[in-house]
Amino acid sequence: MKFIDTTQYVIFMLIISLSSYQVIAEKIDSSNNQSKINKWNFVAYLDDDKIGYHNFEVIENNGEVVVNTEAKFDVTFMFIPVYSYEHNNTEIWNNDCLTSMDSRTLDDGEELFVQLSSQNGTSKINTHDKSISQADCVRSFAYWDYDLIKSKALLNSQTGELIDVSYRFVGSDVINVNNKPLQARHYQLLGKDGAGNLIDISLWYNSNNHWLALHSRLDNGYSLRYQLEKGVEQ
């Protein structure tokens, strides 16, 4: 079973008033340190079955943003393991563009990596099977950043592929987060990767542009959704 990566576009073929959530974000603001650290922990579900987690840590300091993500999924059928996935990724952003990425993935036993470095306005992307250069600003599937919807192409941190995407504002929804009905704006991210797999991801943000939830339809008929386990007060 293969999933489209939502570790920046949801596991290969595999959240308003946030002040009501349990705070797990460490915020540091002192004369010696102007960093702000936000953390989101998500429980991942395949349809109604819990399959793992996807955690995000976003560290902002003097215009530079460091993002650490970790995901682990285990899918079983009749208590028999049928698919496993692990993903770890560290990104550095400056001026809303990626300047560095170090991503490692174990996709059902297959080892993958993506490394990005930027110098003099050009990004070099290396993967397990190719190397490319990109002169334009490179952005990944950074759902935590509302400005994602301004992007025309996004980098898949599992495969290293740059994917053309489009967005559609679906409308205003009331969604259930931590057993509370919350007002949210619903966007749909659409695209297709080089293998022809369709990307159909729903994202919800509150009036302050804070990410609330994610739901992805998979080519195999299943759906992947992220449920916020603990939120961040902002």
Protein backbone atom coordinates (compact mmCIF):
# COMPACT_ATOMS: atom_id res chain seq x y z
CA MET A 1 0.00 0.00 0.00
CA LYS A 2 1.52 3.31 -1.09
CA PHE A 3 0.45 6.74 0.11
CA ILE A 4 1.03 10.18 -1.48
CA ASP A 5 3.38 11.98 0.92
CA THR A 6 1.71 14.57 3.12
CA THR A 7 4.76 15.22 4.98
CA GLN A 8 4.27 17.83 2.75
CA TYR A 9 1.62 16.44 0.80
CA VAL A 10 0.29 13.68 2.99
CA ILE A 11 1.97 10.33 3.24
CA PHE A 12 2.69 9.11 -0.24
CA MET A 13 -0.89 8.49 -1.45
CA LEU A 14 -1.61 8.41 2.35
CA ILE A 15 -5.90 22.25 13.31
CA ILE A 16 -11.30 29.87 15.97
CA SER A 17 -10.08 30.08 19.10
CA LEU A 18 -7.05 27.97 19.71
CA SER A 19 -6.77 29.33 23.22
CA SER A 20 -9.17 26.59 24.31
CA TYR A 21 -6.63 23.89 23.45
CA GLN A 22 -4.00 22.47 25.75
CA VAL A 23 -0.85 24.48 25.26
CA ILE A 24 2.24 22.48 24.43
CA ALA A 25 4.12 25.26 22.69
CA GLU A 26 7.16 26.59 24.43
CA LYS A 27 7.38 30.32 23.82
CA ILE A 28 10.66 32.00 24.66
CA ASP A 29 10.91 35.76 24.70
CA SER A 30 13.80 37.23 26.63
CA SER A 31 16.47 39.84 26.11
CA ASN A 32 18.85 37.13 24.97
CA ASN A 33 16.46 35.01 22.92
CA GLN A 34 13.65 36.17 20.67
CA SER A 35 12.64 32.69 19.50
CA LYS A 36 9.05 31.51 19.36
CA ILE A 37 8.48 27.76 19.34
CA ASN A 38 5.13 26.28 18.33
CA LYS A 39 4.28 22.59 18.32
CA TRP A 40 1.34 20.67 16.88
CA ASN A 41 0.70 16.98 17.58
CA PHE A 42 -1.70 15.17 15.29
CA VAL A 43 -3.24 11.72 15.48
CA ALA A 44 -3.52 10.20 12.00
CA TYR A 45 -6.53 8.13 10.96
CA LEU A 46 -7.07 5.99 7.88
CA ASP A 47 -10.84 6.21 7.59
CA ASP A 48 -11.80 5.56 11.25
CA ASP A 49 -8.73 3.54 12.20
CA LYS A 50 -5.90 5.19 14.14
CA ILE A 51 -2.65 4.46 12.32
CA GLY A 52 -0.09 6.76 13.94
CA TYR A 53 0.96 10.35 14.39
CA HIS A 54 2.44 13.38 12.66
CA ASN A 55 4.14 16.04 14.79
CA PHE A 56 5.27 19.53 13.78
CA GLU A 57 7.63 21.95 15.52
CA VAL A 58 8.04 25.46 14.09
CA ILE A 59 10.80 27.67 15.52
CA GLU A 60 10.86 31.33 14.47
CA ASN A 61 13.89 33.47 15.25
CA ASN A 62 14.82 36.81 13.66
CA GLY A 63 13.19 36.04 10.33
CA GLU A 64 14.52 32.50 10.07
CA VAL A 65 12.11 29.59 10.49
CA VAL A 66 13.24 26.06 11.38
CA VAL A 67 10.65 23.31 10.96
CA ASN A 68 11.03 19.80 12.38
CA THR A 69 8.49 17.15 11.44
CA GLU A 70 8.14 13.53 12.45
CA ALA A 71 5.59 11.00 11.23
CA LYS A 72 5.05 7.31 11.89
CA PHE A 73 2.27 5.14 10.42
CA ASP A 74 1.48 1.46 10.79
CA VAL A 75 -1.45 -0.04 8.88
CA THR A 76 -2.80 -3.47 9.78
CA PHE A 77 -5.48 -5.74 8.36
CA MET A 78 -6.98 -8.36 10.66
CA PHE A 79 -4.12 -7.58 13.07
CA ILE A 80 -1.60 -8.35 10.34
CA PRO A 81 0.87 -5.54 9.45
CA VAL A 82 0.42 -4.54 5.80
CA TYR A 83 2.18 -1.17 5.58
CA SER A 84 4.66 0.91 7.60
CA TYR A 85 5.96 4.43 7.13
CA GLU A 86 8.45 6.66 8.98
CA HIS A 87 9.42 10.19 8.02
CA ASN A 88 11.75 12.76 9.61
CA ASN A 89 12.41 16.14 8.06
CA THR A 90 14.20 19.36 9.06
CA GLU A 91 13.66 22.50 6.98
CA ILE A 92 15.09 26.03 7.20
CA TRP A 93 13.14 28.93 5.68
CA ASN A 94 14.17 32.51 4.97
CA ASN A 95 11.91 35.13 3.35
CA ASP A 96 9.21 32.49 2.82
CA CYS A 97 11.52 30.27 0.76
CA LEU A 98 13.33 27.06 1.62
CA THR A 99 17.09 27.42 2.08
CA SER A 100 17.72 23.93 3.47
CA MET A 101 15.99 20.55 3.73
CA ASP A 102 17.17 17.21 5.12
CA SER A 103 14.44 14.60 4.78
CA ARG A 104 14.66 10.86 5.49
CA THR A 105 11.85 8.40 4.77
CA LEU A 106 11.35 4.68 5.27
CA ASP A 107 8.40 3.85 3.03
CA ASP A 108 7.41 0.25 3.69
CA GLY A 109 11.07 -0.72 3.81
CA GLU A 110 12.25 1.52 0.98
CA GLU A 111 14.80 4.12 2.09
CA LEU A 112 14.39 7.57 0.54
CA PHE A 113 16.01 10.96 1.13
CA VAL A 114 15.70 14.54 -0.09
CA GLN A 115 18.35 17.18 0.53
CA LEU A 116 18.04 20.83 -0.51
CA SER A 117 20.64 23.56 -0.25
CA SER A 118 20.40 27.12 -1.55
CA GLN A 119 23.19 29.42 -2.67
CA ASN A 120 23.15 32.65 -4.67
CA GLY A 121 19.43 32.31 -5.38
CA THR A 122 19.62 28.78 -6.77
CA SER A 123 18.38 25.69 -4.92
CA LYS A 124 20.01 22.33 -5.51
CA ILE A 125 17.83 19.30 -4.75
CA ASN A 126 19.37 15.86 -4.34
CA THR A 127 17.41 12.63 -3.92
CA HIS A 128 18.16 8.93 -3.99
CA ASP A 129 17.86 8.89 -7.76
CA LYS A 130 18.30 12.41 -9.17
CA SER A 131 19.75 15.89 -8.76
CA ILE A 132 18.10 19.09 -10.04
CA SER A 133 18.62 22.85 -9.74
CA GLN A 134 15.82 25.38 -9.30
CA ALA A 135 16.32 29.13 -9.68
CA ASP A 136 12.90 30.17 -8.31
CA CYS A 137 11.80 30.21 -4.66
CA VAL A 138 11.16 26.64 -3.53
CA ARG A 139 8.37 25.87 -1.03
CA SER A 140 7.31 22.54 0.45
CA PHE A 141 3.87 21.29 1.53
CA ALA A 142 3.98 23.54 4.63
CA TYR A 143 0.37 23.30 5.80
CA TRP A 144 1.21 25.19 8.99
CA ASP A 145 1.80 28.30 6.88
CA TYR A 146 -1.41 29.87 5.50
CA ASP A 147 0.62 31.51 2.72
CA LEU A 148 0.94 28.02 1.25
CA ILE A 149 -2.14 28.80 -0.82
CA LYS A 150 -0.15 31.42 -2.76
CA SER A 151 2.22 28.79 -4.17
CA LYS A 152 2.04 27.50 -7.72
CA ALA A 153 4.39 24.55 -7.17
CA LEU A 154 5.42 22.62 -4.04
CA LEU A 155 8.30 20.29 -3.24
CA ASN A 156 7.45 16.77 -2.12
CA SER A 157 9.81 16.13 0.81
CA GLN A 158 9.64 12.38 0.27
CA THR A 159 10.41 12.16 -3.44
CA GLY A 160 12.03 15.52 -4.23
CA GLU A 161 9.52 16.16 -6.99
CA LEU A 162 8.28 19.70 -7.68
CA ILE A 163 4.53 19.46 -8.21
CA ASP A 164 2.25 22.00 -9.84
CA VAL A 165 -0.73 22.74 -7.58
CA SER A 166 -3.87 24.86 -7.51
CA TYR A 167 -6.28 25.90 -4.75
CA ARG A 168 -10.02 26.38 -4.40
CA PHE A 169 -11.85 28.16 -1.60
CA VAL A 170 -14.67 25.77 -0.75
CA GLY A 171 -16.43 27.94 1.85
CA SER A 172 -16.99 28.39 5.56
CA ASP A 173 -17.48 25.26 7.64
CA VAL A 174 -18.12 24.39 11.25
CA ILE A 175 -15.71 21.60 12.16
CA ASN A 176 -15.30 19.59 15.34
CA VAL A 177 -11.92 20.04 17.05
CA ASN A 178 -11.35 18.51 20.47
CA ASN A 179 -15.13 18.01 20.78
CA LYS A 180 -15.78 21.72 20.13
CA PRO A 181 -17.59 23.14 17.07
CA LEU A 182 -15.36 25.78 15.50
CA GLN A 183 -15.81 28.10 12.54
CA ALA A 184 -13.23 27.53 9.80
CA ARG A 185 -12.39 28.41 6.21
CA HIS A 186 -12.12 25.36 3.98
CA TYR A 187 -9.62 25.21 1.09
CA GLN A 188 -8.96 22.42 -1.38
CA LEU A 189 -5.42 21.79 -2.67
CA LEU A 190 -5.38 20.03 -6.03
CA GLY A 191 -2.68 18.64 -8.28
CA LYS A 192 -1.14 15.58 -9.87
CA ASP A 193 2.31 14.10 -9.38
CA GLY A 194 4.60 12.78 -12.07
CA ALA A 195 3.23 9.26 -11.70
CA GLY A 196 -0.29 10.49 -12.40
CA ASN A 197 -1.52 10.22 -8.81
CA LEU A 198 -4.17 12.82 -8.04
CA ILE A 199 -3.69 15.16 -5.07
CA ASP A 200 -6.92 16.14 -3.31
CA ILE A 201 -6.31 17.64 0.13
CA SER A 202 -8.76 19.64 2.23
CA LEU A 203 -7.31 22.17 4.67
CA TRP A 204 -9.09 24.24 7.32
CA TYR A 205 -7.88 27.53 8.86
CA ASN A 206 -9.44 29.86 11.42
CA SER A 207 -9.94 33.62 11.02
CA ASN A 208 -6.36 34.20 12.23
CA ASN A 209 -5.00 31.92 9.49
CA HIS A 210 -4.09 29.17 11.96
CA TRP A 211 -4.17 25.65 10.57
CA LEU A 212 -6.90 23.49 12.11
CA ALA A 213 -7.30 20.23 10.20
CA LEU A 214 -6.44 18.15 7.15
CA HIS A 215 -8.31 15.53 5.17
CA SER A 216 -6.91 13.77 2.09
CA ARG A 217 -8.70 11.48 -0.31
CA LEU A 218 -6.48 8.62 -1.44
CA ASP A 219 -6.44 6.89 -4.81
CA ASN A 220 -7.24 3.55 -3.15
CA GLY A 221 -10.60 4.82 -1.89
CA TYR A 222 -9.50 5.45 1.68
CA SER A 223 -9.21 8.84 3.36
CA LEU A 224 -6.44 10.12 5.59
CA ARG A 225 -7.23 12.71 8.24
CA TYR A 226 -5.27 14.49 10.93
CA GLN A 227 -6.95 15.16 14.27
CA LEU A 228 -5.33 17.68 16.57
CA GLU A 229 -4.29 15.97 19.78
CA LYS A 230 -2.83 19.04 21.42
CA GLY A 231 -2.91 22.55 20.09
CA VAL A 232 -0.95 25.70 20.26
CA GLU A 233 -2.20 28.94 21.78
CA GLN A 234 -1.58 31.97 19.61
